[in-house]
Amino acid sequence: MATVIRLRRGGRTHAPYYRIVVADSRKRVRGPVIEELGYYHPASPNEPKYKVDGPRALEWLKCGAKPSPTVRNLLSKEGILEAKATGRSLTPAAEETAPPEASASAEETSGSES
């Protein structure tokens, strides 16, 4: 199946919002979607808001889904396209920065208090 990651418009006049969805490229734009990956609010008051489910988007890209130009920009801002190119997996930033010794010592001290 030819899949594409694209934006699906919602909202009202002068207040759009978009859902980032995976769909069959042969279906119409407002047609059925396979999976919803996130959202994009370009008209939010301060700055555009967006959220993308990184691991799921990476899986779809590895399966051959092609992103639309706007979705490609959003994925590159999140570092998902770079992760696909280098072959690394996406991990939350908190797990990368937390040293493993600190979490192990915290578990030991909580166990001795009981």
N, C-alpha and C. Protein backbone atom coordinates (compact mmCIF):
# COMPACT_ATOMS: atom_id res chain seq x y z
N MET A 1 0.84 -1.17 0.00
CA MET A 1 0.00 0.00 0.00
C MET A 1 0.89 1.24 0.00
N ALA A 2 0.54 2.21 -0.80
CA ALA A 2 1.29 3.47 -0.88
C ALA A 2 0.79 4.39 0.23
N THR A 3 1.59 4.56 1.27
CA THR A 3 1.18 5.39 2.40
C THR A 3 1.90 6.73 2.37
N VAL A 4 1.22 7.71 2.93
CA VAL A 4 1.76 9.06 2.99
C VAL A 4 1.43 9.65 4.36
N ILE A 5 2.35 10.43 4.89
CA ILE A 5 2.11 11.15 6.15
C ILE A 5 1.77 12.58 5.76
N ARG A 6 0.57 13.02 6.07
CA ARG A 6 0.13 14.34 5.64
C ARG A 6 -0.72 15.01 6.72
N LEU A 7 -1.09 16.25 6.44
CA LEU A 7 -1.91 17.04 7.36
C LEU A 7 -3.37 16.91 6.97
N ARG A 8 -4.22 16.80 7.98
CA ARG A 8 -5.67 16.77 7.77
C ARG A 8 -6.25 17.98 8.49
N ARG A 9 -6.90 18.86 7.74
CA ARG A 9 -7.34 20.14 8.27
C ARG A 9 -8.62 20.01 9.09
N GLY A 10 -8.66 20.80 10.16
CA GLY A 10 -9.85 20.94 10.98
C GLY A 10 -9.97 22.39 11.39
N GLY A 11 -10.92 22.69 12.25
CA GLY A 11 -11.07 24.05 12.73
C GLY A 11 -12.11 24.82 11.95
N ARG A 12 -12.00 26.13 12.01
CA ARG A 12 -12.97 26.99 11.33
C ARG A 12 -12.21 28.02 10.51
N THR A 13 -12.94 28.95 9.90
CA THR A 13 -12.33 29.98 9.08
C THR A 13 -11.38 30.84 9.91
N HIS A 14 -10.17 31.04 9.42
CA HIS A 14 -9.13 31.84 10.06
C HIS A 14 -8.62 31.24 11.38
N ALA A 15 -8.99 30.03 11.71
CA ALA A 15 -8.49 29.36 12.92
C ALA A 15 -8.26 27.88 12.62
N PRO A 16 -7.32 27.57 11.73
CA PRO A 16 -7.13 26.17 11.37
C PRO A 16 -6.30 25.42 12.39
N TYR A 17 -6.50 24.12 12.42
CA TYR A 17 -5.58 23.22 13.10
C TYR A 17 -5.49 21.98 12.22
N TYR A 18 -4.41 21.29 12.35
CA TYR A 18 -4.18 20.13 11.50
C TYR A 18 -3.82 18.93 12.35
N ARG A 19 -4.23 17.76 11.91
CA ARG A 19 -3.81 16.51 12.52
C ARG A 19 -2.81 15.87 11.58
N ILE A 20 -1.74 15.36 12.14
CA ILE A 20 -0.74 14.67 11.34
C ILE A 20 -1.17 13.21 11.28
N VAL A 21 -1.49 12.74 10.08
CA VAL A 21 -2.06 11.40 9.93
C VAL A 21 -1.30 10.60 8.88
N VAL A 22 -1.42 9.29 8.98
CA VAL A 22 -0.92 8.37 7.97
C VAL A 22 -2.14 7.89 7.20
N ALA A 23 -2.08 8.01 5.86
CA ALA A 23 -3.22 7.64 5.03
C ALA A 23 -2.71 6.98 3.75
N ASP A 24 -3.62 6.31 3.08
CA ASP A 24 -3.34 5.74 1.78
C ASP A 24 -3.30 6.89 0.78
N SER A 25 -2.25 6.97 -0.01
CA SER A 25 -2.10 8.11 -0.92
C SER A 25 -3.13 8.10 -2.04
N ARG A 26 -3.76 6.97 -2.28
CA ARG A 26 -4.75 6.89 -3.35
C ARG A 26 -6.13 7.33 -2.89
N LYS A 27 -6.33 7.54 -1.60
CA LYS A 27 -7.62 7.98 -1.07
C LYS A 27 -7.68 9.50 -1.03
N ARG A 28 -8.89 10.02 -0.91
CA ARG A 28 -9.06 11.47 -0.86
C ARG A 28 -8.52 12.02 0.46
N VAL A 29 -8.30 13.33 0.49
CA VAL A 29 -7.67 13.98 1.64
C VAL A 29 -8.51 13.81 2.91
N ARG A 30 -9.82 13.96 2.79
CA ARG A 30 -10.69 13.81 3.96
C ARG A 30 -11.17 12.38 4.14
N GLY A 31 -10.52 11.46 3.48
CA GLY A 31 -10.90 10.05 3.55
C GLY A 31 -10.42 9.37 4.81
N PRO A 32 -10.49 8.06 4.84
CA PRO A 32 -10.10 7.31 6.03
C PRO A 32 -8.60 7.40 6.29
N VAL A 33 -8.23 7.41 7.57
CA VAL A 33 -6.83 7.45 7.95
C VAL A 33 -6.44 6.11 8.58
N ILE A 34 -5.17 5.80 8.48
CA ILE A 34 -4.66 4.57 9.08
C ILE A 34 -4.31 4.81 10.54
N GLU A 35 -3.62 5.91 10.80
CA GLU A 35 -3.20 6.23 12.17
C GLU A 35 -2.99 7.74 12.30
N GLU A 36 -3.27 8.27 13.49
CA GLU A 36 -3.03 9.67 13.79
C GLU A 36 -1.73 9.77 14.58
N LEU A 37 -0.80 10.61 14.12
CA LEU A 37 0.52 10.71 14.74
C LEU A 37 0.72 11.95 15.59
N GLY A 38 -0.14 12.96 15.46
CA GLY A 38 0.05 14.17 16.24
C GLY A 38 -0.82 15.30 15.73
N TYR A 39 -0.43 16.53 16.09
CA TYR A 39 -1.20 17.70 15.67
C TYR A 39 -0.26 18.86 15.37
N TYR A 40 -0.81 19.86 14.68
CA TYR A 40 -0.09 21.07 14.33
C TYR A 40 -1.07 22.23 14.36
N HIS A 41 -0.80 23.24 15.21
CA HIS A 41 -1.65 24.43 15.34
C HIS A 41 -0.85 25.64 14.87
N PRO A 42 -0.95 25.99 13.59
CA PRO A 42 -0.16 27.13 13.10
C PRO A 42 -0.68 28.48 13.54
N ALA A 43 -1.95 28.57 13.94
CA ALA A 43 -2.54 29.86 14.29
C ALA A 43 -2.68 30.04 15.80
N SER A 44 -1.84 29.37 16.59
CA SER A 44 -1.91 29.57 18.04
C SER A 44 -1.40 30.97 18.38
N PRO A 45 -1.83 31.56 19.50
CA PRO A 45 -1.55 32.97 19.79
C PRO A 45 -0.07 33.36 19.80
N ASN A 46 0.76 32.61 20.48
CA ASN A 46 2.16 33.02 20.62
C ASN A 46 3.04 32.52 19.48
N GLU A 47 3.04 31.24 19.27
CA GLU A 47 3.85 30.62 18.22
C GLU A 47 3.19 29.32 17.81
N PRO A 48 3.50 28.81 16.65
CA PRO A 48 2.87 27.55 16.22
C PRO A 48 3.20 26.40 17.17
N LYS A 49 2.18 25.60 17.50
CA LYS A 49 2.36 24.45 18.38
C LYS A 49 2.26 23.18 17.54
N TYR A 50 3.07 22.21 17.89
CA TYR A 50 2.94 20.92 17.23
C TYR A 50 3.46 19.83 18.15
N LYS A 51 2.95 18.64 17.94
CA LYS A 51 3.39 17.47 18.71
C LYS A 51 3.35 16.29 17.76
N VAL A 52 4.42 15.51 17.75
CA VAL A 52 4.52 14.35 16.88
C VAL A 52 4.92 13.15 17.72
N ASP A 53 4.26 12.03 17.51
CA ASP A 53 4.65 10.78 18.15
C ASP A 53 5.87 10.26 17.39
N GLY A 54 7.05 10.58 17.90
CA GLY A 54 8.30 10.29 17.21
C GLY A 54 8.55 8.83 16.86
N PRO A 55 8.45 7.92 17.83
CA PRO A 55 8.71 6.51 17.51
C PRO A 55 7.77 5.94 16.46
N ARG A 56 6.50 6.30 16.52
CA ARG A 56 5.54 5.79 15.53
C ARG A 56 5.82 6.40 14.15
N ALA A 57 6.16 7.69 14.10
CA ALA A 57 6.49 8.33 12.82
C ALA A 57 7.73 7.70 12.21
N LEU A 58 8.70 7.39 13.05
CA LEU A 58 9.93 6.75 12.58
C LEU A 58 9.63 5.36 12.01
N GLU A 59 8.74 4.62 12.66
CA GLU A 59 8.35 3.30 12.15
C GLU A 59 7.68 3.42 10.78
N TRP A 60 6.79 4.40 10.62
CA TRP A 60 6.11 4.57 9.34
C TRP A 60 7.10 4.99 8.26
N LEU A 61 8.07 5.83 8.59
CA LEU A 61 9.07 6.23 7.61
C LEU A 61 9.93 5.03 7.19
N LYS A 62 10.26 4.18 8.14
CA LYS A 62 11.05 2.98 7.82
C LYS A 62 10.26 2.01 6.95
N CYS A 63 8.94 2.03 7.07
CA CYS A 63 8.08 1.17 6.24
C CYS A 63 7.86 1.75 4.85
N GLY A 64 8.31 2.97 4.60
CA GLY A 64 8.20 3.55 3.27
C GLY A 64 7.19 4.64 3.11
N ALA A 65 6.60 5.13 4.19
CA ALA A 65 5.64 6.23 4.09
C ALA A 65 6.38 7.51 3.70
N LYS A 66 5.79 8.28 2.81
CA LYS A 66 6.41 9.52 2.35
C LYS A 66 5.72 10.71 2.98
N PRO A 67 6.46 11.60 3.65
CA PRO A 67 5.84 12.77 4.27
C PRO A 67 5.60 13.89 3.25
N SER A 68 4.55 14.66 3.50
CA SER A 68 4.30 15.85 2.68
C SER A 68 5.36 16.90 3.04
N PRO A 69 5.53 17.95 2.24
CA PRO A 69 6.56 18.95 2.53
C PRO A 69 6.44 19.60 3.92
N THR A 70 5.23 19.96 4.34
CA THR A 70 5.06 20.57 5.66
C THR A 70 5.36 19.57 6.77
N VAL A 71 4.91 18.35 6.61
CA VAL A 71 5.18 17.32 7.61
C VAL A 71 6.67 17.03 7.66
N ARG A 72 7.34 17.06 6.51
CA ARG A 72 8.79 16.85 6.47
C ARG A 72 9.50 17.92 7.31
N ASN A 73 9.05 19.18 7.23
CA ASN A 73 9.64 20.26 8.03
C ASN A 73 9.43 20.00 9.52
N LEU A 74 8.24 19.57 9.91
CA LEU A 74 7.96 19.30 11.32
C LEU A 74 8.79 18.13 11.82
N LEU A 75 8.92 17.08 11.02
CA LEU A 75 9.71 15.92 11.42
C LEU A 75 11.19 16.26 11.53
N SER A 76 11.68 17.13 10.68
CA SER A 76 13.09 17.52 10.77
C SER A 76 13.35 18.36 12.01
N LYS A 77 12.38 19.20 12.41
CA LYS A 77 12.54 19.98 13.64
C LYS A 77 12.61 19.07 14.87
N GLU A 78 11.88 17.97 14.83
CA GLU A 78 11.88 17.01 15.94
C GLU A 78 13.09 16.08 15.91
N GLY A 79 13.83 16.07 14.81
CA GLY A 79 14.99 15.19 14.69
C GLY A 79 14.65 13.78 14.23
N ILE A 80 13.44 13.59 13.73
CA ILE A 80 13.00 12.25 13.33
C ILE A 80 13.63 11.86 11.99
N LEU A 81 13.74 12.80 11.06
CA LEU A 81 14.37 12.49 9.79
C LEU A 81 15.86 12.18 9.96
N GLU A 82 16.52 12.88 10.87
CA GLU A 82 17.93 12.61 11.16
C GLU A 82 18.08 11.22 11.78
N ALA A 83 17.16 10.84 12.64
CA ALA A 83 17.21 9.52 13.26
C ALA A 83 17.02 8.43 12.21
N LYS A 84 16.17 8.68 11.24
CA LYS A 84 15.97 7.71 10.16
C LYS A 84 17.23 7.58 9.31
N ALA A 85 17.86 8.71 9.00
CA ALA A 85 19.05 8.70 8.16
C ALA A 85 20.24 8.02 8.83
N THR A 86 20.39 8.24 10.14
CA THR A 86 21.52 7.65 10.86
C THR A 86 21.23 6.26 11.38
N GLY A 87 19.96 5.88 11.42
CA GLY A 87 19.61 4.55 11.89
C GLY A 87 19.51 4.42 13.40
N ARG A 88 19.53 5.52 14.12
CA ARG A 88 19.43 5.44 15.59
C ARG A 88 17.96 5.47 16.01
N SER A 89 17.70 5.05 17.24
CA SER A 89 16.33 5.06 17.74
C SER A 89 16.09 6.35 18.51
N LEU A 90 14.82 6.70 18.67
CA LEU A 90 14.45 7.90 19.42
C LEU A 90 14.26 7.54 20.87
N THR A 91 14.92 8.27 21.76
CA THR A 91 14.74 8.08 23.19
C THR A 91 14.43 9.41 23.81
N PRO A 92 13.64 9.44 24.89
CA PRO A 92 13.36 10.71 25.56
C PRO A 92 14.63 11.35 26.09
N ALA A 93 14.69 12.67 26.10
CA ALA A 93 15.88 13.39 26.53
C ALA A 93 16.18 13.17 28.01
N ALA A 94 15.16 12.95 28.83
CA ALA A 94 15.38 12.73 30.26
C ALA A 94 16.16 11.45 30.50
N GLU A 95 15.91 10.42 29.72
CA GLU A 95 16.63 9.17 29.90
C GLU A 95 18.09 9.30 29.46
N GLU A 96 18.36 10.13 28.49
CA GLU A 96 19.73 10.31 28.01
C GLU A 96 20.59 11.07 29.01
N THR A 97 20.02 12.05 29.71
CA THR A 97 20.81 12.90 30.58
C THR A 97 20.93 12.36 32.01
N ALA A 98 20.01 11.51 32.44
CA ALA A 98 20.06 11.00 33.81
C ALA A 98 21.13 9.92 33.94
N PRO A 99 22.08 10.09 34.87
CA PRO A 99 23.09 9.05 35.06
C PRO A 99 22.48 7.81 35.72
N PRO A 100 22.87 6.62 35.32
CA PRO A 100 22.27 5.41 35.88
C PRO A 100 22.62 5.21 37.35
N GLU A 101 23.76 5.74 37.81
CA GLU A 101 24.15 5.56 39.21
C GLU A 101 23.21 6.29 40.16
N ALA A 102 22.72 7.46 39.74
CA ALA A 102 21.84 8.25 40.60
C ALA A 102 20.52 7.52 40.85
N SER A 103 19.98 6.89 39.83
CA SER A 103 18.71 6.20 40.01
C SER A 103 18.90 4.93 40.85
N ALA A 104 20.03 4.26 40.73
CA ALA A 104 20.29 3.05 41.50
C ALA A 104 20.48 3.40 42.98
N SER A 105 21.18 4.48 43.27
CA SER A 105 21.41 4.85 44.67
C SER A 105 20.12 5.34 45.31
N ALA A 106 19.22 5.95 44.55
CA ALA A 106 17.94 6.40 45.08
C ALA A 106 17.07 5.19 45.47
N GLU A 107 17.14 4.13 44.67
CA GLU A 107 16.37 2.93 44.99
C GLU A 107 16.90 2.25 46.25
N GLU A 108 18.23 2.26 46.43
CA GLU A 108 18.83 1.62 47.60
C GLU A 108 18.45 2.37 48.88
N THR A 109 18.44 3.70 48.85
CA THR A 109 18.12 4.47 50.05
C THR A 109 16.65 4.34 50.40
N SER A 110 15.78 4.24 49.40
CA SER A 110 14.35 4.10 49.72
C SER A 110 14.07 2.72 50.30
N GLY A 111 14.83 1.72 49.90
CA GLY A 111 14.63 0.38 50.43
C GLY A 111 15.10 0.24 51.86
N SER A 112 16.13 0.99 52.29
CA SER A 112 16.65 0.88 53.65
C SER A 112 15.76 1.59 54.66
N GLU A 113 14.93 2.53 54.21
CA GLU A 113 14.06 3.27 55.13
C GLU A 113 12.90 2.41 55.61
N SER A 114 12.50 1.40 54.86
CA SER A 114 11.34 0.59 55.22
C SER A 114 11.59 -0.27 56.41
